[in-house]
Each structure stands twice: as C-alpha cells, then as structure tokens.
C-alpha cells in the first residue's frame, strides 16, 4: 500500500506542478501579449504533457489509491478534480498523507 501511495504522491506533485506552470503562463499571457509569442511553444508542450500524458496516469493512480485504501467515490471525484484546480492536488495529497500515515511515510 505504501508503494501505491508513493506513486500517487509523485504523480500528484508532477501534475500539480505542470498545472501551476500553465496557470502562471496564462497570467503572463494576459499581462504581456508580446511575451506570449516566446512562450507559446513551451505552453503547448507543457499543456499536452499535462493533459494527454500526465493527467490520465494521475487518474489511474487516484483510482488505484481509492481501491487499495477502500475510499468512497466522492473522494475519487475530488481527486480527479484536483487535476484541474491549481494547488488542489498538493493540498489533497497532504490531507491524505496525514490521514493514512500520521507519523509520516515509512522509509522505502
């Protein structure tokens, strides 16, 4: 079960980070359109990486955690939603880690 949670944790951080990067570039786009011409390729690569590669793998890890820890489907929906809301993946991972491992994750 620890391995499952570690995988979920890794994908949560990576997916959340790419989502924060996309949000930051969106803010930069609204501030300076000239900068957007320089960042458009970067945004496309990060956006495709997040939406096509990372998010589906993150959903599989969420489903795996829900099955292993026998959680309810409402939490699964919240975990899926965390892939769309910047920062929510970090908070949700923190809350789940504190719930399942109050003394901290054991060393691998």
Protein backbone atom coordinates (compact mmCIF):
# COMPACT_ATOMS: atom_id res chain seq x y z
CA UNK A 1 0.00 0.00 0.00
CA UNK A 2 2.93 2.30 0.62
CA UNK A 3 4.11 1.86 -2.96
CA UNK A 4 0.68 2.76 -4.28
CA UNK A 5 0.57 5.90 -2.17
CA UNK A 6 4.12 6.89 -3.17
CA UNK A 7 3.20 6.60 -6.85
CA UNK A 8 0.08 8.68 -6.29
CA UNK A 9 2.14 11.23 -4.39
CA UNK A 10 4.71 11.54 -7.18
CA UNK A 11 2.05 11.96 -9.87
CA UNK A 12 0.19 14.43 -7.68
CA UNK A 13 3.28 16.63 -7.40
CA UNK A 14 4.14 16.40 -11.10
CA UNK A 15 0.58 17.00 -12.30
CA UNK A 16 0.07 19.84 -9.81
CA UNK A 17 3.34 21.47 -10.84
CA UNK A 18 2.51 21.39 -14.55
CA UNK A 19 -0.90 22.85 -13.78
CA UNK A 20 0.68 25.69 -11.79
CA UNK A 21 3.09 26.35 -14.68
CA UNK A 22 0.15 26.54 -17.09
CA UNK A 23 -1.67 28.95 -14.76
CA UNK A 24 1.41 31.17 -14.46
CA UNK A 25 1.84 31.32 -18.23
CA UNK A 26 -1.84 32.16 -18.58
CA UNK A 27 -1.35 35.11 -16.23
CA UNK A 28 1.72 36.17 -18.23
CA UNK A 29 -0.35 35.92 -21.40
CA UNK A 30 -2.94 38.30 -20.04
CA UNK A 31 -0.26 40.78 -18.91
CA UNK A 32 2.01 40.89 -21.95
CA UNK A 33 0.99 39.56 -25.37
CA UNK A 34 4.50 40.01 -26.76
CA UNK A 35 5.83 37.56 -24.23
CA UNK A 36 3.22 35.06 -25.37
CA UNK A 37 4.93 34.68 -28.76
CA UNK A 38 8.05 33.49 -26.99
CA UNK A 39 6.23 31.16 -24.59
CA UNK A 40 3.66 29.62 -26.92
CA UNK A 41 5.74 26.52 -27.80
CA UNK A 42 6.60 25.98 -24.13
CA UNK A 43 2.92 26.27 -23.17
CA UNK A 44 1.87 23.83 -25.87
CA UNK A 45 4.43 21.25 -24.74
CA UNK A 46 3.51 21.60 -21.05
CA UNK A 47 -0.21 21.63 -21.87
CA UNK A 48 -0.04 18.49 -23.97
CA UNK A 49 2.18 16.84 -21.38
CA UNK A 50 -0.28 17.65 -18.64
CA UNK A 51 -3.49 16.88 -20.47
CA UNK A 52 -2.59 13.93 -22.64
CA UNK A 53 0.17 12.15 -20.71
CA UNK A 54 0.24 13.09 -17.02
CA UNK A 55 -3.42 13.57 -16.17
CA UNK A 56 -4.56 10.14 -17.42
CA UNK A 57 -1.74 8.48 -15.47
CA UNK A 58 -2.70 10.58 -12.44
CA UNK A 59 -6.30 9.38 -12.79
CA UNK A 60 -5.13 5.77 -12.82
CA UNK A 61 -3.07 6.38 -9.68
CA UNK A 62 -6.07 8.02 -7.98
CA UNK A 63 -8.27 5.07 -8.85
CA UNK A 64 -5.59 2.69 -7.56
CA UNK A 65 -5.37 4.58 -4.22
CA UNK A 66 -9.16 4.54 -3.84
CA UNK A 67 -9.25 0.78 -4.44
CA UNK A 68 -6.31 -0.05 -2.15
CA UNK A 69 -7.41 2.14 0.75
CA UNK A 70 -11.15 1.46 0.19
CA UNK A 71 -12.15 5.11 -0.05
CA UNK A 72 -15.51 6.44 -1.22
CA UNK A 73 -16.25 7.64 -4.73
CA UNK A 74 -16.74 11.25 -3.64
CA UNK A 75 -13.07 11.38 -2.74
CA UNK A 76 -12.21 9.89 -6.12
CA UNK A 77 -14.17 12.68 -7.77
CA UNK A 78 -12.31 15.25 -5.69
CA UNK A 79 -9.00 13.65 -6.64
CA UNK A 80 -9.94 13.84 -10.32
CA UNK A 81 -10.98 17.48 -9.86
CA UNK A 82 -7.56 18.23 -8.35
CA UNK A 83 -6.06 17.79 -11.81
CA UNK A 84 -7.99 20.87 -12.96
CA UNK A 85 -7.67 23.26 -9.99
CA UNK A 86 -4.18 24.67 -9.43
CA UNK A 87 -2.88 23.86 -5.97
CA UNK A 88 -5.64 21.43 -5.00
CA UNK A 89 -3.51 18.37 -5.81
CA UNK A 90 -0.89 19.46 -3.27
CA UNK A 91 -3.48 20.08 -0.56
CA UNK A 92 -5.30 16.81 -1.21
CA UNK A 93 -2.06 14.84 -1.16
CA UNK A 94 -1.15 16.48 2.15
CA UNK A 95 -4.53 15.63 3.69
CA UNK A 96 -4.39 12.01 2.51
CA UNK A 97 -0.83 11.60 3.76
CA UNK A 98 -1.82 12.93 7.18
CA UNK A 99 -4.86 10.62 7.22
CA UNK A 100 -3.10 7.39 6.22
CA UNK A 101 0.34 7.99 7.73
CA UNK A 102 0.02 10.32 10.76
CA UNK A 103 3.59 9.58 11.89
CA UNK A 104 4.98 10.07 8.40
CA UNK A 105 5.65 7.75 5.50
CA UNK A 106 7.97 4.85 6.36
CA UNK A 107 11.30 4.85 4.59
CA UNK A 108 11.48 2.79 1.42
